[in-house]
Amino acid sequence: MEKPLLYWILGASVVNFALMGIDKHRAKRGRWRIREKTLFLVAFLGGTPGAILGMRVFRHKTLHKRFAWGLPALLLLQLGLLWFGWEYGIALL
């Protein structure tokens, strides 16, 4: 995997992990929440590992089927695209 792509995924994952933690904190206090669309957008842009880790660590969104099934499905899709790009020599970044 190319280093810029690895750094991108790592950065997006850190951001999404933090967003999950912030959203859980706000949920406990009945405050303004981070939109689910935002969490999925950051996941779509490469932060899926961080979102899944955040779900587990913070026990957040684990009962929402969209997250419980959608994030692992998105991760599988992203891994498949990475494999396809690597296998066929397609420059990803």
PDB file of N, CA and C in Angstrom:
ATOM      1  N   MET A   1       0.855  -1.181   0.000  1.00  0.00           N
ATOM      2  CA  MET A   1       0.000   0.000   0.000  1.00  0.00           C
ATOM      3  C   MET A   1       0.895   1.237   0.000  1.00  0.00           C
ATOM      4  N   GLU A   2       0.506   2.196  -0.790  1.00  0.00           N
ATOM      5  CA  GLU A   2       1.258   3.443  -0.872  1.00  0.00           C
ATOM      6  C   GLU A   2       1.184   4.198   0.447  1.00  0.00           C
ATOM      7  N   LYS A   3       2.298   4.836   0.825  1.00  0.00           N
ATOM      8  CA  LYS A   3       2.325   5.546   2.096  1.00  0.00           C
ATOM      9  C   LYS A   3       1.303   6.680   2.185  1.00  0.00           C
ATOM     10  N   PRO A   4       1.120   7.511   1.145  1.00  0.00           N
ATOM     11  CA  PRO A   4       0.104   8.572   1.280  1.00  0.00           C
ATOM     12  C   PRO A   4      -1.287   8.004   1.553  1.00  0.00           C
ATOM     13  N   LEU A   5      -1.625   6.892   0.917  1.00  0.00           N
ATOM     14  CA  LEU A   5      -2.929   6.270   1.140  1.00  0.00           C
ATOM     15  C   LEU A   5      -3.025   5.742   2.572  1.00  0.00           C
ATOM     16  N   LEU A   6      -1.962   5.132   3.054  1.00  0.00           N
ATOM     17  CA  LEU A   6      -1.949   4.632   4.418  1.00  0.00           C
ATOM     18  C   LEU A   6      -2.124   5.771   5.413  1.00  0.00           C
ATOM     19  N   TYR A   7      -1.424   6.883   5.192  1.00  0.00           N
ATOM     20  CA  TYR A   7      -1.557   8.049   6.071  1.00  0.00           C
ATOM     21  C   TYR A   7      -2.964   8.639   6.001  1.00  0.00           C
ATOM     22  N   TRP A   8      -3.545   8.637   4.816  1.00  0.00           N
ATOM     23  CA  TRP A   8      -4.911   9.150   4.643  1.00  0.00           C
ATOM     24  C   TRP A   8      -5.891   8.309   5.467  1.00  0.00           C
ATOM     25  N   ILE A   9      -5.794   6.980   5.331  1.00  0.00           N
ATOM     26  CA  ILE A   9      -6.695   6.078   6.050  1.00  0.00           C
ATOM     27  C   ILE A   9      -6.487   6.218   7.556  1.00  0.00           C
ATOM     28  N   LEU A  10      -5.231   6.307   7.982  1.00  0.00           N
ATOM     29  CA  LEU A  10      -4.937   6.476   9.406  1.00  0.00           C
ATOM     30  C   LEU A  10      -5.527   7.782   9.932  1.00  0.00           C
ATOM     31  N   GLY A  11      -5.335   8.865   9.196  1.00  0.00           N
ATOM     32  CA  GLY A  11      -5.867  10.164   9.618  1.00  0.00           C
ATOM     33  C   GLY A  11      -7.383  10.176   9.683  1.00  0.00           C
ATOM     34  N   ALA A  12      -8.035   9.642   8.652  1.00  0.00           N
ATOM     35  CA  ALA A  12      -9.501   9.595   8.628  1.00  0.00           C
ATOM     36  C   ALA A  12     -10.028   8.694   9.737  1.00  0.00           C
ATOM     37  N   SER A  13      -9.300   7.630  10.039  1.00  0.00           N
ATOM     38  CA  SER A  13      -9.721   6.725  11.112  1.00  0.00           C
ATOM     39  C   SER A  13      -9.619   7.393  12.475  1.00  0.00           C
ATOM     40  N   VAL A  14      -8.555   8.154  12.684  1.00  0.00           N
ATOM     41  CA  VAL A  14      -8.400   8.884  13.951  1.00  0.00           C
ATOM     42  C   VAL A  14      -9.534   9.895  14.108  1.00  0.00           C
ATOM     43  N   VAL A  15      -9.851  10.597  13.021  1.00  0.00           N
ATOM     44  CA  VAL A  15     -10.936  11.579  13.061  1.00  0.00           C
ATOM     45  C   VAL A  15     -12.260  10.893  13.382  1.00  0.00           C
ATOM     46  N   ASN A  16     -12.550   9.777  12.713  1.00  0.00           N
ATOM     47  CA  ASN A  16     -13.835   9.111  12.938  1.00  0.00           C
ATOM     48  C   ASN A  16     -13.905   8.477  14.324  1.00  0.00           C
ATOM     49  N   PHE A  17     -12.791   7.959  14.821  1.00  0.00           N
ATOM     50  CA  PHE A  17     -12.758   7.434  16.188  1.00  0.00           C
ATOM     51  C   PHE A  17     -13.095   8.549  17.176  1.00  0.00           C
ATOM     52  N   ALA A  18     -12.475   9.707  16.985  1.00  0.00           N
ATOM     53  CA  ALA A  18     -12.734  10.854  17.862  1.00  0.00           C
ATOM     54  C   ALA A  18     -14.186  11.311  17.751  1.00  0.00           C
ATOM     55  N   LEU A  19     -14.735  11.345  16.535  1.00  0.00           N
ATOM     56  CA  LEU A  19     -16.125  11.749  16.360  1.00  0.00           C
ATOM     57  C   LEU A  19     -17.075  10.803  17.084  1.00  0.00           C
ATOM     58  N   MET A  20     -16.783   9.511  17.054  1.00  0.00           N
ATOM     59  CA  MET A  20     -17.619   8.538  17.768  1.00  0.00           C
ATOM     60  C   MET A  20     -17.573   8.809  19.271  1.00  0.00           C
ATOM     61  N   GLY A  21     -16.382   9.078  19.785  1.00  0.00           N
ATOM     62  CA  GLY A  21     -16.247   9.370  21.211  1.00  0.00           C
ATOM     63  C   GLY A  21     -16.957  10.651  21.608  1.00  0.00           C
ATOM     64  N   ILE A  22     -16.821  11.685  20.791  1.00  0.00           N
ATOM     65  CA  ILE A  22     -17.489  12.962  21.062  1.00  0.00           C
ATOM     66  C   ILE A  22     -19.000  12.793  21.015  1.00  0.00           C
ATOM     67  N   ASP A  23     -19.482  12.063  20.006  1.00  0.00           N
ATOM     68  CA  ASP A  23     -20.929  11.863  19.878  1.00  0.00           C
ATOM     69  C   ASP A  23     -21.480  11.072  21.059  1.00  0.00           C
ATOM     70  N   LYS A  24     -20.757  10.066  21.520  1.00  0.00           N
ATOM     71  CA  LYS A  24     -21.201   9.294  22.684  1.00  0.00           C
ATOM     72  C   LYS A  24     -21.252  10.189  23.921  1.00  0.00           C
ATOM     73  N   HIS A  25     -20.236  10.996  24.096  1.00  0.00           N
ATOM     74  CA  HIS A  25     -20.179  11.924  25.230  1.00  0.00           C
ATOM     75  C   HIS A  25     -21.373  12.881  25.203  1.00  0.00           C
ATOM     76  N   ARG A  26     -21.667  13.421  24.027  1.00  0.00           N
ATOM     77  CA  ARG A  26     -22.796  14.344  23.885  1.00  0.00           C
ATOM     78  C   ARG A  26     -24.128  13.625  24.086  1.00  0.00           C
ATOM     79  N   ALA A  27     -24.217  12.394  23.638  1.00  0.00           N
ATOM     80  CA  ALA A  27     -25.462  11.629  23.783  1.00  0.00           C
ATOM     81  C   ALA A  27     -25.784  11.405  25.260  1.00  0.00           C
ATOM     82  N   LYS A  28     -24.767  11.115  26.045  1.00  0.00           N
ATOM     83  CA  LYS A  28     -24.980  10.886  27.481  1.00  0.00           C
ATOM     84  C   LYS A  28     -25.490  12.135  28.185  1.00  0.00           C
ATOM     85  N   ARG A  29     -25.134  13.303  27.655  1.00  0.00           N
ATOM     86  CA  ARG A  29     -25.500  14.554  28.300  1.00  0.00           C
ATOM     87  C   ARG A  29     -26.675  15.261  27.629  1.00  0.00           C
ATOM     88  N   GLY A  30     -27.281  14.607  26.652  1.00  0.00           N
ATOM     89  CA  GLY A  30     -28.444  15.178  25.988  1.00  0.00           C
ATOM     90  C   GLY A  30     -28.131  16.434  25.200  1.00  0.00           C
ATOM     91  N   ARG A  31     -26.935  16.534  24.679  1.00  0.00           N
ATOM     92  CA  ARG A  31     -26.516  17.722  23.944  1.00  0.00           C
ATOM     93  C   ARG A  31     -26.602  17.490  22.436  1.00  0.00           C
ATOM     94  N   TRP A  32     -26.255  18.541  21.699  1.00  0.00           N
ATOM     95  CA  TRP A  32     -26.253  18.504  20.242  1.00  0.00           C
ATOM     96  C   TRP A  32     -25.368  17.368  19.766  1.00  0.00           C
ATOM     97  N   ARG A  33     -25.829  16.622  18.752  1.00  0.00           N
ATOM     98  CA  ARG A  33     -25.140  15.412  18.302  1.00  0.00           C
ATOM     99  C   ARG A  33     -24.517  15.597  16.939  1.00  0.00           C
ATOM    100  N   ILE A  34     -23.577  14.731  16.637  1.00  0.00           N
ATOM    101  CA  ILE A  34     -22.953  14.683  15.316  1.00  0.00           C
ATOM    102  C   ILE A  34     -23.886  13.877  14.418  1.00  0.00           C
ATOM    103  N   ARG A  35     -24.135  14.388  13.227  1.00  0.00           N
ATOM    104  CA  ARG A  35     -25.063  13.721  12.316  1.00  0.00           C
ATOM    105  C   ARG A  35     -24.513  12.369  11.873  1.00  0.00           C
ATOM    106  N   GLU A  36     -25.414  11.420  11.718  1.00  0.00           N
ATOM    107  CA  GLU A  36     -25.009  10.097  11.234  1.00  0.00           C
ATOM    108  C   GLU A  36     -24.401  10.197   9.842  1.00  0.00           C
ATOM    109  N   LYS A  37     -24.914  11.117   9.043  1.00  0.00           N
ATOM    110  CA  LYS A  37     -24.365  11.326   7.695  1.00  0.00           C
ATOM    111  C   LYS A  37     -22.890  11.696   7.758  1.00  0.00           C
ATOM    112  N   THR A  38     -22.533  12.509   8.749  1.00  0.00           N
ATOM    113  CA  THR A  38     -21.133  12.918   8.901  1.00  0.00           C
ATOM    114  C   THR A  38     -20.266  11.723   9.258  1.00  0.00           C
ATOM    115  N   LEU A  39     -20.745  10.895  10.183  1.00  0.00           N
ATOM    116  CA  LEU A  39     -19.982   9.710  10.573  1.00  0.00           C
ATOM    117  C   LEU A  39     -19.782   8.772   9.386  1.00  0.00           C
ATOM    118  N   PHE A  40     -20.824   8.594   8.588  1.00  0.00           N
ATOM    119  CA  PHE A  40     -20.704   7.734   7.408  1.00  0.00           C
ATOM    120  C   PHE A  40     -19.839   8.378   6.326  1.00  0.00           C
ATOM    121  N   LEU A  41     -19.907   9.683   6.176  1.00  0.00           N
ATOM    122  CA  LEU A  41     -19.086  10.356   5.172  1.00  0.00           C
ATOM    123  C   LEU A  41     -17.604  10.178   5.482  1.00  0.00           C
ATOM    124  N   VAL A  42     -17.228  10.387   6.737  1.00  0.00           N
ATOM    125  CA  VAL A  42     -15.818  10.204   7.120  1.00  0.00           C
ATOM    126  C   VAL A  42     -15.413   8.745   6.943  1.00  0.00           C
ATOM    127  N   ALA A  43     -16.313   7.817   7.251  1.00  0.00           N
ATOM    128  CA  ALA A  43     -16.031   6.394   7.029  1.00  0.00           C
ATOM    129  C   ALA A  43     -15.834   6.128   5.544  1.00  0.00           C
ATOM    130  N   PHE A  44     -16.718   6.672   4.723  1.00  0.00           N
ATOM    131  CA  PHE A  44     -16.624   6.488   3.271  1.00  0.00           C
ATOM    132  C   PHE A  44     -15.303   7.029   2.732  1.00  0.00           C
ATOM    133  N   LEU A  45     -14.809   8.096   3.331  1.00  0.00           N
ATOM    134  CA  LEU A  45     -13.565   8.720   2.883  1.00  0.00           C
ATOM    135  C   LEU A  45     -12.318   8.036   3.451  1.00  0.00           C
ATOM    136  N   GLY A  46     -12.499   6.898   4.102  1.00  0.00           N
ATOM    137  CA  GLY A  46     -11.348   6.129   4.561  1.00  0.00           C
ATOM    138  C   GLY A  46     -11.299   5.880   6.053  1.00  0.00           C
ATOM    139  N   GLY A  47     -12.231   6.429   6.798  1.00  0.00           N
ATOM    140  CA  GLY A  47     -12.194   6.295   8.247  1.00  0.00           C
ATOM    141  C   GLY A  47     -12.991   5.140   8.811  1.00  0.00           C
ATOM    142  N   THR A  48     -13.282   4.152   7.999  1.00  0.00           N
ATOM    143  CA  THR A  48     -14.082   3.016   8.464  1.00  0.00           C
ATOM    144  C   THR A  48     -13.424   2.261   9.620  1.00  0.00           C
ATOM    145  N   PRO A  49     -12.108   1.978   9.567  1.00  0.00           N
ATOM    146  CA  PRO A  49     -11.500   1.277  10.715  1.00  0.00           C
ATOM    147  C   PRO A  49     -11.679   2.051  12.032  1.00  0.00           C
ATOM    148  N   GLY A  50     -11.514   3.347  11.999  1.00  0.00           N
ATOM    149  CA  GLY A  50     -11.686   4.157  13.200  1.00  0.00           C
ATOM    150  C   GLY A  50     -13.121   4.176  13.683  1.00  0.00           C
ATOM    151  N   ALA A  51     -14.077   4.186  12.751  1.00  0.00           N
ATOM    152  CA  ALA A  51     -15.494   4.166  13.120  1.00  0.00           C
ATOM    153  C   ALA A  51     -15.851   2.848  13.800  1.00  0.00           C
ATOM    154  N   ILE A  52     -15.378   1.738  13.245  1.00  0.00           N
ATOM    155  CA  ILE A  52     -15.673   0.432  13.826  1.00  0.00           C
ATOM    156  C   ILE A  52     -15.014   0.307  15.201  1.00  0.00           C
ATOM    157  N   LEU A  53     -13.774   0.755  15.310  1.00  0.00           N
ATOM    158  CA  LEU A  53     -13.093   0.727  16.603  1.00  0.00           C
ATOM    159  C   LEU A  53     -13.818   1.618  17.613  1.00  0.00           C
ATOM    160  N   GLY A  54     -14.254   2.797  17.174  1.00  0.00           N
ATOM    161  CA  GLY A  54     -14.998   3.698  18.046  1.00  0.00           C
ATOM    162  C   GLY A  54     -16.309   3.105  18.520  1.00  0.00           C
ATOM    163  N   MET A  55     -16.982   2.371  17.636  1.00  0.00           N
ATOM    164  CA  MET A  55     -18.222   1.701  18.026  1.00  0.00           C
ATOM    165  C   MET A  55     -17.963   0.736  19.174  1.00  0.00           C
ATOM    166  N   ARG A  56     -16.884  -0.002  19.066  1.00  0.00           N
ATOM    167  CA  ARG A  56     -16.575  -1.022  20.074  1.00  0.00           C
ATOM    168  C   ARG A  56     -16.071  -0.404  21.379  1.00  0.00           C
ATOM    169  N   VAL A  57     -15.142   0.526  21.270  1.00  0.00           N
ATOM    170  CA  VAL A  57     -14.537   1.123  22.462  1.00  0.00           C
ATOM    171  C   VAL A  57     -15.556   1.925  23.261  1.00  0.00           C
ATOM    172  N   PHE A  58     -16.346   2.757  22.558  1.00  0.00           N
ATOM    173  CA  PHE A  58     -17.293   3.632  23.242  1.00  0.00           C
ATOM    174  C   PHE A  58     -18.678   3.005  23.401  1.00  0.00           C
ATOM    175  N   ARG A  59     -18.867   1.798  22.854  1.00  0.00           N
ATOM    176  CA  ARG A  59     -20.172   1.125  22.849  1.00  0.00           C
ATOM    177  C   ARG A  59     -21.237   2.081  22.327  1.00  0.00           C
ATOM    178  N   HIS A  60     -20.942   2.599  21.153  1.00  0.00           N
ATOM    179  CA  HIS A  60     -21.796   3.629  20.563  1.00  0.00           C
ATOM    180  C   HIS A  60     -22.289   3.182  19.196  1.00  0.00           C
ATOM    181  N   LYS A  61     -23.578   3.316  18.964  1.00  0.00           N
ATOM    182  CA  LYS A  61     -24.234   2.973  17.698  1.00  0.00           C
ATOM    183  C   LYS A  61     -24.218   1.470  17.425  1.00  0.00           C
ATOM    184  N   THR A  62     -23.929   0.666  18.428  1.00  0.00           N
ATOM    185  CA  THR A  62     -23.838  -0.776  18.207  1.00  0.00           C
ATOM    186  C   THR A  62     -25.199  -1.423  17.964  1.00  0.00           C
ATOM    187  N   LEU A  63     -26.269  -0.793  18.416  1.00  0.00           N
ATOM    188  CA  LEU A  63     -27.605  -1.343  18.208  1.00  0.00           C
ATOM    189  C   LEU A  63     -28.277  -0.799  16.944  1.00  0.00           C
ATOM    190  N   HIS A  64     -27.634   0.150  16.297  1.00  0.00           N
ATOM    191  CA  HIS A  64     -28.161   0.704  15.048  1.00  0.00           C
ATOM    192  C   HIS A  64     -27.716  -0.204  13.902  1.00  0.00           C
ATOM    193  N   LYS A  65     -28.684  -0.830  13.237  1.00  0.00           N
ATOM    194  CA  LYS A  65     -28.349  -1.770  12.161  1.00  0.00           C
ATOM    195  C   LYS A  65     -27.552  -1.111  11.043  1.00  0.00           C
ATOM    196  N   ARG A  66     -27.847   0.172  10.792  1.00  0.00           N
ATOM    197  CA  ARG A  66     -27.107   0.887   9.752  1.00  0.00           C
ATOM    198  C   ARG A  66     -25.610   0.892  10.046  1.00  0.00           C
ATOM    199  N   PHE A  67     -25.260   1.021  11.300  1.00  0.00           N
ATOM    200  CA  PHE A  67     -23.854   1.044  11.694  1.00  0.00           C
ATOM    201  C   PHE A  67     -23.309  -0.362  11.907  1.00  0.00           C
ATOM    202  N   ALA A  68     -24.069  -1.203  12.604  1.00  0.00           N
ATOM    203  CA  ALA A  68     -23.606  -2.552  12.924  1.00  0.00           C
ATOM    204  C   ALA A  68     -23.348  -3.389  11.672  1.00  0.00           C
ATOM    205  N   TRP A  69     -24.139  -3.187  10.643  1.00  0.00           N
ATOM    206  CA  TRP A  69     -23.967  -3.926   9.386  1.00  0.00           C
ATOM    207  C   TRP A  69     -23.327  -3.072   8.298  1.00  0.00           C
ATOM    208  N   GLY A  70     -23.654  -1.791   8.285  1.00  0.00           N
ATOM    209  CA  GLY A  70     -23.180  -0.916   7.218  1.00  0.00           C
ATOM    210  C   GLY A  70     -21.690  -0.653   7.248  1.00  0.00           C
ATOM    211  N   LEU A  71     -21.143  -0.407   8.425  1.00  0.00           N
ATOM    212  CA  LEU A  71     -19.706  -0.127   8.500  1.00  0.00           C
ATOM    213  C   LEU A  71     -18.845  -1.338   8.136  1.00  0.00           C
ATOM    214  N   PRO A  72     -19.141  -2.531   8.656  1.00  0.00           N
ATOM    215  CA  PRO A  72     -18.360  -3.693   8.209  1.00  0.00           C
ATOM    216  C   PRO A  72     -18.512  -3.959   6.703  1.00  0.00           C
ATOM    217  N   ALA A  73     -19.710  -3.750   6.168  1.00  0.00           N
ATOM    218  CA  ALA A  73     -19.908  -3.931   4.727  1.00  0.00           C
ATOM    219  C   ALA A  73     -19.085  -2.911   3.943  1.00  0.00           C
ATOM    220  N   LEU A  74     -19.071  -1.670   4.413  1.00  0.00           N
ATOM    221  CA  LEU A  74     -18.273  -0.636   3.760  1.00  0.00           C
ATOM    222  C   LEU A  74     -16.784  -0.970   3.828  1.00  0.00           C
ATOM    223  N   LEU A  75     -16.338  -1.482   4.964  1.00  0.00           N
ATOM    224  CA  LEU A  75     -14.934  -1.868   5.108  1.00  0.00           C
ATOM    225  C   LEU A  75     -14.573  -2.986   4.132  1.00  0.00           C
ATOM    226  N   LEU A  76     -15.443  -3.976   4.004  1.00  0.00           N
ATOM    227  CA  LEU A  76     -15.193  -5.058   3.041  1.00  0.00           C
ATOM    228  C   LEU A  76     -15.122  -4.522   1.613  1.00  0.00           C
ATOM    229  N   LEU A  77     -16.004  -3.606   1.279  1.00  0.00           N
ATOM    230  CA  LEU A  77     -15.985  -2.989  -0.044  1.00  0.00           C
ATOM    231  C   LEU A  77     -14.678  -2.232  -0.265  1.00  0.00           C
ATOM    232  N   GLN A  78     -14.262  -1.455   0.733  1.00  0.00           N
ATOM    233  CA  GLN A  78     -13.026  -0.695   0.610  1.00  0.00           C
ATOM    234  C   GLN A  78     -11.815  -1.617   0.497  1.00  0.00           C
ATOM    235  N   LEU A  79     -11.789  -2.686   1.278  1.00  0.00           N
ATOM    236  CA  LEU A  79     -10.682  -3.640   1.185  1.00  0.00           C
ATOM    237  C   LEU A  79     -10.667  -4.318  -0.185  1.00  0.00           C
ATOM    238  N   GLY A  80     -11.844  -4.628  -0.707  1.00  0.00           N
ATOM    239  CA  GLY A  80     -11.927  -5.203  -2.044  1.00  0.00           C
ATOM    240  C   GLY A  80     -11.404  -4.256  -3.113  1.00  0.00           C
ATOM    241  N   LEU A  81     -11.733  -2.984  -2.983  1.00  0.00           N
ATOM    242  CA  LEU A  81     -11.222  -1.992  -3.938  1.00  0.00           C
ATOM    243  C   LEU A  81      -9.715  -1.834  -3.829  1.00  0.00           C
ATOM    244  N   LEU A  82      -9.198  -1.863  -2.604  1.00  0.00           N
ATOM    245  CA  LEU A  82      -7.742  -1.795  -2.412  1.00  0.00           C
ATOM    246  C   LEU A  82      -7.055  -3.001  -3.037  1.00  0.00           C
ATOM    247  N   TRP A  83      -7.613  -4.168  -2.792  1.00  0.00           N
ATOM    248  CA  TRP A  83      -7.043  -5.383  -3.371  1.00  0.00           C
ATOM    249  C   TRP A  83      -7.069  -5.320  -4.893  1.00  0.00           C
ATOM    250  N   PHE A  84      -8.210  -4.903  -5.436  1.00  0.00           N
ATOM    251  CA  PHE A  84      -8.352  -4.808  -6.893  1.00  0.00           C
ATOM    252  C   PHE A  84      -7.317  -3.845  -7.473  1.00  0.00           C
ATOM    253  N   GLY A  85      -7.168  -2.696  -6.829  1.00  0.00           N
ATOM    254  CA  GLY A  85      -6.191  -1.719  -7.304  1.00  0.00           C
ATOM    255  C   GLY A  85      -4.775  -2.239  -7.223  1.00  0.00           C
ATOM    256  N   TRP A  86      -4.469  -2.949  -6.160  1.00  0.00           N
ATOM    257  CA  TRP A  86      -3.120  -3.488  -5.991  1.00  0.00           C
ATOM    258  C   TRP A  86      -2.871  -4.622  -6.979  1.00  0.00           C
ATOM    259  N   GLU A  87      -3.843  -5.503  -7.126  1.00  0.00           N
ATOM    260  CA  GLU A  87      -3.709  -6.671  -8.002  1.00  0.00           C
ATOM    261  C   GLU A  87      -3.515  -6.254  -9.459  1.00  0.00           C
ATOM    262  N   TYR A  88      -4.212  -5.233  -9.873  1.00  0.00           N
ATOM    263  CA  TYR A  88      -4.171  -4.828 -11.274  1.00  0.00           C
ATOM    264  C   TYR A  88      -3.329  -3.583 -11.513  1.00  0.00           C
ATOM    265  N   GLY A  89      -2.571  -3.185 -10.509  1.00  0.00           N
ATOM    266  CA  GLY A  89      -1.613  -2.086 -10.678  1.00  0.00           C
ATOM    267  C   GLY A  89      -2.246  -0.737 -10.911  1.00  0.00           C
ATOM    268  N   ILE A  90      -3.426  -0.537 -10.382  1.00  0.00           N
ATOM    269  CA  ILE A  90      -4.101   0.748 -10.552  1.00  0.00           C
ATOM    270  C   ILE A  90      -3.623   1.690  -9.449  1.00  0.00           C
ATOM    271  N   ALA A  91      -3.130   2.845  -9.843  1.00  0.00           N
ATOM    272  CA  ALA A  91      -2.642   3.821  -8.865  1.00  0.00           C
ATOM    273  C   ALA A  91      -3.834   4.367  -8.083  1.00  0.00           C
ATOM    274  N   LEU A  92      -3.784   4.215  -6.767  1.00  0.00           N
ATOM    275  CA  LEU A  92      -4.887   4.669  -5.933  1.00  0.00           C
ATOM    276  C   LEU A  92      -4.698   6.106  -5.488  1.00  0.00           C
ATOM    277  N   LEU A  93      -3.486   6.543  -5.386  1.00  0.00           N
ATOM    278  CA  LEU A  93      -3.183   7.939  -5.054  1.00  0.00           C
ATOM    279  C   LEU A  93      -1.952   8.374  -5.795  1.00  0.00           C
TER     280      LEU A  93
END
